[in-house]
């Protein structure tokens, strides 16, 4: 079975940005809690996922248009493109 071709946003990632701290920057400011963390591949901010109550990473994407995130979870190595609904492991 052949691999699907990556979207242009995923293809443009040359170096994976990783979380500087294992925390959601917005949840920390507001005393919230998170389930999993994601790191924006455009600006490097680490925020909580859609399973988290505040869904900060999705809000970040809608506000900024930054298309690609990576999992900030230990042992997970994947990217997600919001614009093209595309996934890639690395």
PDB file of N, CA and C in Angstrom:
ATOM      1  N   UNK A   1       0.849  -1.173   0.000  1.00  0.00           N
ATOM      2  CA  UNK A   1       0.000   0.000   0.000  1.00  0.00           C
ATOM      3  C   UNK A   1       0.898   1.240   0.000  1.00  0.00           C
ATOM      4  N   UNK A   2       0.607   2.194  -0.841  1.00  0.00           N
ATOM      5  CA  UNK A   2       1.432   3.396  -0.925  1.00  0.00           C
ATOM      6  C   UNK A   2       1.004   4.424   0.121  1.00  0.00           C
ATOM      7  N   UNK A   3       1.955   5.232   0.546  1.00  0.00           N
ATOM      8  CA  UNK A   3       1.683   6.284   1.512  1.00  0.00           C
ATOM      9  C   UNK A   3       1.021   7.468   0.801  1.00  0.00           C
ATOM     10  N   UNK A   4       0.026   8.106   1.421  1.00  0.00           N
ATOM     11  CA  UNK A   4      -0.561   9.294   0.818  1.00  0.00           C
ATOM     12  C   UNK A   4       0.468  10.417   0.777  1.00  0.00           C
ATOM     13  N   UNK A   5       0.365  11.267  -0.212  1.00  0.00           N
ATOM     14  CA  UNK A   5       1.291  12.380  -0.328  1.00  0.00           C
ATOM     15  C   UNK A   5       0.991  13.418   0.752  1.00  0.00           C
ATOM     16  N   UNK A   6       2.036  13.986   1.310  1.00  0.00           N
ATOM     17  CA  UNK A   6       1.878  14.987   2.360  1.00  0.00           C
ATOM     18  C   UNK A   6       1.407  16.309   1.764  1.00  0.00           C
ATOM     19  N   UNK A   7       0.598  17.046   2.536  1.00  0.00           N
ATOM     20  CA  UNK A   7       0.158  18.366   2.101  1.00  0.00           C
ATOM     21  C   UNK A   7       1.349  19.330   2.120  1.00  0.00           C
ATOM     22  N   UNK A   8       1.190  20.476   1.488  1.00  0.00           N
ATOM     23  CA  UNK A   8       2.299  21.440   1.395  1.00  0.00           C
ATOM     24  C   UNK A   8       2.731  21.964   2.767  1.00  0.00           C
ATOM     25  N   UNK A   9       1.781  22.048   3.712  1.00  0.00           N
ATOM     26  CA  UNK A   9       2.124  22.543   5.046  1.00  0.00           C
ATOM     27  C   UNK A   9       3.019  21.549   5.784  1.00  0.00           C
ATOM     28  N   UNK A  10       2.679  20.267   5.693  1.00  0.00           N
ATOM     29  CA  UNK A  10       3.513  19.243   6.331  1.00  0.00           C
ATOM     30  C   UNK A  10       4.855  19.125   5.627  1.00  0.00           C
ATOM     31  N   UNK A  11       4.859  19.239   4.315  1.00  0.00           N
ATOM     32  CA  UNK A  11       6.117  19.170   3.556  1.00  0.00           C
ATOM     33  C   UNK A  11       7.059  20.306   3.922  1.00  0.00           C
ATOM     34  N   UNK A  12       6.514  21.441   4.331  1.00  0.00           N
ATOM     35  CA  UNK A  12       7.343  22.611   4.618  1.00  0.00           C
ATOM     36  C   UNK A  12       8.068  22.529   5.965  1.00  0.00           C
ATOM     37  N   UNK A  13       7.716  21.568   6.806  1.00  0.00           N
ATOM     38  CA  UNK A  13       8.356  21.444   8.115  1.00  0.00           C
ATOM     39  C   UNK A  13       9.751  20.849   7.941  1.00  0.00           C
ATOM     40  N   UNK A  14      10.758  21.627   8.306  1.00  0.00           N
ATOM     41  CA  UNK A  14      12.139  21.165   8.172  1.00  0.00           C
ATOM     42  C   UNK A  14      12.724  20.699   9.501  1.00  0.00           C
ATOM     43  N   UNK A  15      12.281  21.326  10.584  1.00  0.00           N
ATOM     44  CA  UNK A  15      12.761  20.953  11.913  1.00  0.00           C
ATOM     45  C   UNK A  15      11.572  21.012  12.871  1.00  0.00           C
ATOM     46  N   UNK A  16      11.392  19.963  13.656  1.00  0.00           N
ATOM     47  CA  UNK A  16      10.262  19.885  14.578  1.00  0.00           C
ATOM     48  C   UNK A  16      10.529  20.747  15.804  1.00  0.00           C
ATOM     49  N   UNK A  17       9.612  21.687  16.059  1.00  0.00           N
ATOM     50  CA  UNK A  17       9.683  22.482  17.293  1.00  0.00           C
ATOM     51  C   UNK A  17       9.145  21.622  18.433  1.00  0.00           C
ATOM     52  N   UNK A  18       9.807  21.654  19.569  1.00  0.00           N
ATOM     53  CA  UNK A  18       9.383  20.860  20.717  1.00  0.00           C
ATOM     54  C   UNK A  18       9.041  21.769  21.893  1.00  0.00           C
ATOM     55  N   UNK A  19       8.288  21.241  22.824  1.00  0.00           N
ATOM     56  CA  UNK A  19       7.863  22.001  23.994  1.00  0.00           C
ATOM     57  C   UNK A  19       9.051  22.344  24.878  1.00  0.00           C
ATOM     58  N   UNK A  20       9.122  23.611  25.296  1.00  0.00           N
ATOM     59  CA  UNK A  20      10.160  24.015  26.238  1.00  0.00           C
ATOM     60  C   UNK A  20       9.799  23.563  27.644  1.00  0.00           C
ATOM     61  N   UNK A  21       8.515  23.596  27.972  1.00  0.00           N
ATOM     62  CA  UNK A  21       7.997  23.134  29.259  1.00  0.00           C
ATOM     63  C   UNK A  21       6.803  22.242  28.980  1.00  0.00           C
ATOM     64  N   UNK A  22       6.600  21.238  29.812  1.00  0.00           N
ATOM     65  CA  UNK A  22       5.453  20.355  29.655  1.00  0.00           C
ATOM     66  C   UNK A  22       4.260  20.967  30.390  1.00  0.00           C
ATOM     67  N   UNK A  23       3.704  22.019  29.762  1.00  0.00           N
ATOM     68  CA  UNK A  23       2.536  22.685  30.312  1.00  0.00           C
ATOM     69  C   UNK A  23       1.852  23.499  29.226  1.00  0.00           C
ATOM     70  N   UNK A  24       0.558  23.736  29.390  1.00  0.00           N
ATOM     71  CA  UNK A  24      -0.188  24.618  28.504  1.00  0.00           C
ATOM     72  C   UNK A  24      -0.018  26.037  29.030  1.00  0.00           C
ATOM     73  N   UNK A  25       0.582  26.897  28.232  1.00  0.00           N
ATOM     74  CA  UNK A  25       0.866  28.260  28.666  1.00  0.00           C
ATOM     75  C   UNK A  25      -0.407  28.991  29.087  1.00  0.00           C
ATOM     76  N   UNK A  26      -1.508  28.783  28.380  1.00  0.00           N
ATOM     77  CA  UNK A  26      -2.765  29.462  28.708  1.00  0.00           C
ATOM     78  C   UNK A  26      -3.430  28.867  29.946  1.00  0.00           C
ATOM     79  N   UNK A  27      -3.432  27.551  30.078  1.00  0.00           N
ATOM     80  CA  UNK A  27      -4.016  26.927  31.271  1.00  0.00           C
ATOM     81  C   UNK A  27      -3.280  27.378  32.535  1.00  0.00           C
ATOM     82  N   UNK A  28      -1.966  27.511  32.444  1.00  0.00           N
ATOM     83  CA  UNK A  28      -1.180  27.957  33.591  1.00  0.00           C
ATOM     84  C   UNK A  28      -1.609  29.368  33.997  1.00  0.00           C
ATOM     85  N   UNK A  29      -1.815  30.245  33.013  1.00  0.00           N
ATOM     86  CA  UNK A  29      -2.231  31.630  33.296  1.00  0.00           C
ATOM     87  C   UNK A  29      -3.575  31.690  34.008  1.00  0.00           C
ATOM     88  N   UNK A  30      -4.489  30.793  33.630  1.00  0.00           N
ATOM     89  CA  UNK A  30      -5.871  30.866  34.104  1.00  0.00           C
ATOM     90  C   UNK A  30      -6.246  29.771  35.101  1.00  0.00           C
ATOM     91  N   UNK A  31      -5.286  28.975  35.531  1.00  0.00           N
ATOM     92  CA  UNK A  31      -5.556  27.924  36.507  1.00  0.00           C
ATOM     93  C   UNK A  31      -6.335  26.754  35.941  1.00  0.00           C
ATOM     94  N   UNK A  32      -6.244  26.548  34.635  1.00  0.00           N
ATOM     95  CA  UNK A  32      -6.959  25.443  33.987  1.00  0.00           C
ATOM     96  C   UNK A  32      -6.167  24.149  34.014  1.00  0.00           C
ATOM     97  N   UNK A  33      -6.794  23.107  33.487  1.00  0.00           N
ATOM     98  CA  UNK A  33      -6.149  21.798  33.396  1.00  0.00           C
ATOM     99  C   UNK A  33      -6.173  21.328  31.949  1.00  0.00           C
ATOM    100  N   UNK A  34      -5.218  20.490  31.603  1.00  0.00           N
ATOM    101  CA  UNK A  34      -5.144  19.961  30.242  1.00  0.00           C
ATOM    102  C   UNK A  34      -5.082  18.444  30.274  1.00  0.00           C
ATOM    103  N   UNK A  35      -5.404  17.858  29.114  1.00  0.00           N
ATOM    104  CA  UNK A  35      -5.334  16.411  28.942  1.00  0.00           C
ATOM    105  C   UNK A  35      -4.038  16.053  28.223  1.00  0.00           C
ATOM    106  N   UNK A  36      -3.837  16.620  27.036  1.00  0.00           N
ATOM    107  CA  UNK A  36      -2.620  16.407  26.244  1.00  0.00           C
ATOM    108  C   UNK A  36      -2.150  17.752  25.716  1.00  0.00           C
ATOM    109  N   UNK A  37      -0.887  17.799  25.309  1.00  0.00           N
ATOM    110  CA  UNK A  37      -0.299  19.046  24.827  1.00  0.00           C
ATOM    111  C   UNK A  37       0.131  18.934  23.374  1.00  0.00           C
ATOM    112  N   UNK A  38       0.055  20.062  22.670  1.00  0.00           N
ATOM    113  CA  UNK A  38       0.453  20.168  21.272  1.00  0.00           C
ATOM    114  C   UNK A  38       1.353  21.391  21.121  1.00  0.00           C
ATOM    115  N   UNK A  39       2.313  21.311  20.190  1.00  0.00           N
ATOM    116  CA  UNK A  39       3.219  22.423  19.942  1.00  0.00           C
ATOM    117  C   UNK A  39       3.012  22.938  18.526  1.00  0.00           C
ATOM    118  N   UNK A  40       2.779  24.248  18.410  1.00  0.00           N
ATOM    119  CA  UNK A  40       2.599  24.893  17.109  1.00  0.00           C
ATOM    120  C   UNK A  40       3.931  24.880  16.371  1.00  0.00           C
ATOM    121  N   UNK A  41       3.905  24.455  15.119  1.00  0.00           N
ATOM    122  CA  UNK A  41       5.136  24.366  14.345  1.00  0.00           C
ATOM    123  C   UNK A  41       5.484  25.676  13.645  1.00  0.00           C
ATOM    124  N   UNK A  42       4.643  26.691  13.779  1.00  0.00           N
ATOM    125  CA  UNK A  42       4.970  28.011  13.246  1.00  0.00           C
ATOM    126  C   UNK A  42       5.667  28.865  14.302  1.00  0.00           C
ATOM    127  N   UNK A  43       5.061  28.968  15.491  1.00  0.00           N
ATOM    128  CA  UNK A  43       5.596  29.875  16.506  1.00  0.00           C
ATOM    129  C   UNK A  43       6.188  29.175  17.729  1.00  0.00           C
ATOM    130  N   UNK A  44       5.943  27.866  17.884  1.00  0.00           N
ATOM    131  CA  UNK A  44       6.546  27.107  18.979  1.00  0.00           C
ATOM    132  C   UNK A  44       5.779  27.100  20.285  1.00  0.00           C
ATOM    133  N   UNK A  45       4.628  27.767  20.365  1.00  0.00           N
ATOM    134  CA  UNK A  45       3.854  27.770  21.603  1.00  0.00           C
ATOM    135  C   UNK A  45       3.290  26.365  21.864  1.00  0.00           C
ATOM    136  N   UNK A  46       3.257  25.980  23.140  1.00  0.00           N
ATOM    137  CA  UNK A  46       2.683  24.689  23.523  1.00  0.00           C
ATOM    138  C   UNK A  46       1.390  24.952  24.282  1.00  0.00           C
ATOM    139  N   UNK A  47       0.304  24.337  23.784  1.00  0.00           N
ATOM    140  CA  UNK A  47      -1.025  24.544  24.343  1.00  0.00           C
ATOM    141  C   UNK A  47      -1.771  23.218  24.411  1.00  0.00           C
ATOM    142  N   UNK A  48      -2.930  23.237  25.066  1.00  0.00           N
ATOM    143  CA  UNK A  48      -3.691  22.001  25.264  1.00  0.00           C
ATOM    144  C   UNK A  48      -4.501  21.584  24.037  1.00  0.00           C
ATOM    145  N   UNK A  49      -4.793  20.302  23.977  1.00  0.00           N
ATOM    146  CA  UNK A  49      -5.477  19.682  22.835  1.00  0.00           C
ATOM    147  C   UNK A  49      -7.000  19.835  22.917  1.00  0.00           C
ATOM    148  N   UNK A  50      -7.687  19.305  21.903  1.00  0.00           N
ATOM    149  CA  UNK A  50      -9.146  19.387  21.839  1.00  0.00           C
ATOM    150  C   UNK A  50      -9.851  18.525  22.874  1.00  0.00           C
ATOM    151  N   UNK A  51      -9.167  17.555  23.478  1.00  0.00           N
ATOM    152  CA  UNK A  51      -9.770  16.766  24.552  1.00  0.00           C
ATOM    153  C   UNK A  51      -9.720  17.516  25.884  1.00  0.00           C
ATOM    154  N   UNK A  52      -8.952  18.582  25.932  1.00  0.00           N
ATOM    155  CA  UNK A  52      -8.840  19.400  27.134  1.00  0.00           C
ATOM    156  C   UNK A  52     -10.019  20.373  27.206  1.00  0.00           C
ATOM    157  N   UNK A  53     -10.429  20.768  28.414  1.00  0.00           N
ATOM    158  CA  UNK A  53     -11.603  21.641  28.553  1.00  0.00           C
ATOM    159  C   UNK A  53     -11.524  22.948  27.755  1.00  0.00           C
ATOM    160  N   UNK A  54     -10.355  23.580  27.692  1.00  0.00           N
ATOM    161  CA  UNK A  54     -10.266  24.894  27.045  1.00  0.00           C
ATOM    162  C   UNK A  54      -9.845  24.864  25.578  1.00  0.00           C
ATOM    163  N   UNK A  55      -9.322  23.740  25.103  1.00  0.00           N
ATOM    164  CA  UNK A  55      -8.954  23.579  23.689  1.00  0.00           C
ATOM    165  C   UNK A  55      -8.116  24.759  23.166  1.00  0.00           C
ATOM    166  N   UNK A  56      -7.092  25.125  23.922  1.00  0.00           N
ATOM    167  CA  UNK A  56      -6.315  26.308  23.571  1.00  0.00           C
ATOM    168  C   UNK A  56      -5.605  26.211  22.222  1.00  0.00           C
ATOM    169  N   UNK A  57      -5.129  25.021  21.827  1.00  0.00           N
ATOM    170  CA  UNK A  57      -4.418  24.945  20.551  1.00  0.00           C
ATOM    171  C   UNK A  57      -5.356  25.199  19.378  1.00  0.00           C
ATOM    172  N   UNK A  58      -6.562  24.683  19.428  1.00  0.00           N
ATOM    173  CA  UNK A  58      -7.520  24.954  18.343  1.00  0.00           C
ATOM    174  C   UNK A  58      -7.848  26.442  18.270  1.00  0.00           C
ATOM    175  N   UNK A  59      -8.012  27.085  19.427  1.00  0.00           N
ATOM    176  CA  UNK A  59      -8.270  28.533  19.446  1.00  0.00           C
ATOM    177  C   UNK A  59      -7.084  29.289  18.851  1.00  0.00           C
ATOM    178  N   UNK A  60      -5.876  28.853  19.187  1.00  0.00           N
ATOM    179  CA  UNK A  60      -4.659  29.467  18.640  1.00  0.00           C
ATOM    180  C   UNK A  60      -4.658  29.356  17.117  1.00  0.00           C
ATOM    181  N   UNK A  61      -4.982  28.195  16.602  1.00  0.00           N
ATOM    182  CA  UNK A  61      -4.984  28.003  15.151  1.00  0.00           C
ATOM    183  C   UNK A  61      -6.026  28.894  14.481  1.00  0.00           C
ATOM    184  N   UNK A  62      -7.203  28.977  15.042  1.00  0.00           N
ATOM    185  CA  UNK A  62      -8.256  29.821  14.454  1.00  0.00           C
ATOM    186  C   UNK A  62      -7.867  31.301  14.481  1.00  0.00           C
ATOM    187  N   UNK A  63      -7.202  31.727  15.545  1.00  0.00           N
ATOM    188  CA  UNK A  63      -6.802  33.126  15.681  1.00  0.00           C
ATOM    189  C   UNK A  63      -5.614  33.493  14.798  1.00  0.00           C
ATOM    190  N   UNK A  64      -4.666  32.560  14.631  1.00  0.00           N
ATOM    191  CA  UNK A  64      -3.415  32.875  13.927  1.00  0.00           C
ATOM    192  C   UNK A  64      -3.346  32.322  12.509  1.00  0.00           C
ATOM    193  N   UNK A  65      -4.065  31.238  12.241  1.00  0.00           N
ATOM    194  CA  UNK A  65      -3.950  30.575  10.947  1.00  0.00           C
ATOM    195  C   UNK A  65      -2.742  29.657  10.849  1.00  0.00           C
ATOM    196  N   UNK A  66      -2.008  29.481  11.931  1.00  0.00           N
ATOM    197  CA  UNK A  66      -0.850  28.578  11.912  1.00  0.00           C
ATOM    198  C   UNK A  66      -1.364  27.159  11.658  1.00  0.00           C
ATOM    199  N   UNK A  67      -0.898  26.502  10.596  1.00  0.00           N
ATOM    200  CA  UNK A  67      -1.534  25.260  10.161  1.00  0.00           C
ATOM    201  C   UNK A  67      -1.101  23.969  10.841  1.00  0.00           C
ATOM    202  N   UNK A  68       0.148  23.849  11.304  1.00  0.00           N
ATOM    203  CA  UNK A  68       0.666  22.546  11.716  1.00  0.00           C
ATOM    204  C   UNK A  68       1.038  22.525  13.197  1.00  0.00           C
ATOM    205  N   UNK A  69       0.645  21.434  13.853  1.00  0.00           N
ATOM    206  CA  UNK A  69       1.024  21.187  15.241  1.00  0.00           C
ATOM    207  C   UNK A  69       1.715  19.833  15.324  1.00  0.00           C
ATOM    208  N   UNK A  70       2.442  19.650  16.418  1.00  0.00           N
ATOM    209  CA  UNK A  70       3.000  18.330  16.735  1.00  0.00           C
ATOM    210  C   UNK A  70       2.508  17.945  18.115  1.00  0.00           C
ATOM    211  N   UNK A  71       2.525  16.655  18.382  1.00  0.00           N
ATOM    212  CA  UNK A  71       2.227  16.209  19.735  1.00  0.00           C
ATOM    213  C   UNK A  71       3.407  16.573  20.624  1.00  0.00           C
ATOM    214  N   UNK A  72       3.103  17.073  21.817  1.00  0.00           N
ATOM    215  CA  UNK A  72       4.147  17.355  22.806  1.00  0.00           C
ATOM    216  C   UNK A  72       4.189  16.251  23.860  1.00  0.00           C
ATOM    217  N   UNK A  73       3.465  15.180  23.600  1.00  0.00           N
ATOM    218  CA  UNK A  73       3.408  14.062  24.546  1.00  0.00           C
ATOM    219  C   UNK A  73       4.650  13.188  24.414  1.00  0.00           C
ATOM    220  N   UNK A  74       5.240  12.785  25.537  1.00  0.00           N
ATOM    221  CA  UNK A  74       6.411  11.900  25.483  1.00  0.00           C
ATOM    222  C   UNK A  74       6.102  10.626  24.696  1.00  0.00           C
ATOM    223  N   UNK A  75       6.995  10.283  23.792  1.00  0.00           N
ATOM    224  CA  UNK A  75       6.853   9.062  23.004  1.00  0.00           C
ATOM    225  C   UNK A  75       5.985   9.184  21.764  1.00  0.00           C
ATOM    226  N   UNK A  76       5.270  10.294  21.596  1.00  0.00           N
ATOM    227  CA  UNK A  76       4.459  10.494  20.388  1.00  0.00           C
ATOM    228  C   UNK A  76       5.245  11.339  19.398  1.00  0.00           C
ATOM    229  N   UNK A  77       5.254  10.893  18.146  1.00  0.00           N
ATOM    230  CA  UNK A  77       6.008  11.591  17.104  1.00  0.00           C
ATOM    231  C   UNK A  77       5.121  11.744  15.884  1.00  0.00           C
ATOM    232  N   UNK A  78       4.247  12.751  15.925  1.00  0.00           N
ATOM    233  CA  UNK A  78       3.366  12.995  14.796  1.00  0.00           C
ATOM    234  C   UNK A  78       3.076  14.477  14.629  1.00  0.00           C
ATOM    235  N   UNK A  79       2.653  14.808  13.410  1.00  0.00           N
ATOM    236  CA  UNK A  79       2.265  16.165  13.024  1.00  0.00           C
ATOM    237  C   UNK A  79       0.832  16.136  12.525  1.00  0.00           C
ATOM    238  N   UNK A  80       0.129  17.253  12.699  1.00  0.00           N
ATOM    239  CA  UNK A  80      -1.241  17.392  12.213  1.00  0.00           C
ATOM    240  C   UNK A  80      -1.369  18.747  11.528  1.00  0.00           C
ATOM    241  N   UNK A  81      -1.966  18.742  10.336  1.00  0.00           N
ATOM    242  CA  UNK A  81      -2.240  19.985   9.620  1.00  0.00           C
ATOM    243  C   UNK A  81      -3.732  20.283   9.731  1.00  0.00           C
ATOM    244  N   UNK A  82      -4.062  21.374  10.407  1.00  0.00           N
ATOM    245  CA  UNK A  82      -5.469  21.781  10.545  1.00  0.00           C
ATOM    246  C   UNK A  82      -6.084  22.123   9.187  1.00  0.00           C
ATOM    247  N   UNK A  83      -5.367  22.846   8.360  1.00  0.00           N
ATOM    248  CA  UNK A  83      -5.915  23.346   7.089  1.00  0.00           C
ATOM    249  C   UNK A  83      -6.283  22.225   6.131  1.00  0.00           C
ATOM    250  N   UNK A  84      -5.460  21.181   6.095  1.00  0.00           N
ATOM    251  CA  UNK A  84      -5.688  20.098   5.139  1.00  0.00           C
ATOM    252  C   UNK A  84      -6.183  18.822   5.782  1.00  0.00           C
ATOM    253  N   UNK A  85      -6.434  18.867   7.102  1.00  0.00           N
ATOM    254  CA  UNK A  85      -6.922  17.687   7.803  1.00  0.00           C
ATOM    255  C   UNK A  85      -6.003  16.498   7.518  1.00  0.00           C
ATOM    256  N   UNK A  86      -4.699  16.737   7.683  1.00  0.00           N
ATOM    257  CA  UNK A  86      -3.688  15.740   7.298  1.00  0.00           C
ATOM    258  C   UNK A  86      -2.801  15.377   8.480  1.00  0.00           C
ATOM    259  N   UNK A  87      -2.357  14.140   8.507  1.00  0.00           N
ATOM    260  CA  UNK A  87      -1.571  13.572   9.609  1.00  0.00           C
ATOM    261  C   UNK A  87      -0.304  12.948   9.043  1.00  0.00           C
ATOM    262  N   UNK A  88       0.780  13.062   9.804  1.00  0.00           N
ATOM    263  CA  UNK A  88       2.034  12.406   9.413  1.00  0.00           C
ATOM    264  C   UNK A  88       2.806  12.021  10.659  1.00  0.00           C
ATOM    265  N   UNK A  89       3.360  10.838  10.659  1.00  0.00           N
ATOM    266  CA  UNK A  89       4.260  10.418  11.719  1.00  0.00           C
ATOM    267  C   UNK A  89       5.688  10.753  11.285  1.00  0.00           C
ATOM    268  N   UNK A  90       6.571  10.942  12.247  1.00  0.00           N
ATOM    269  CA  UNK A  90       7.974  11.189  11.911  1.00  0.00           C
ATOM    270  C   UNK A  90       8.876  10.410  12.830  1.00  0.00           C
TER     271      UNK A  90
END
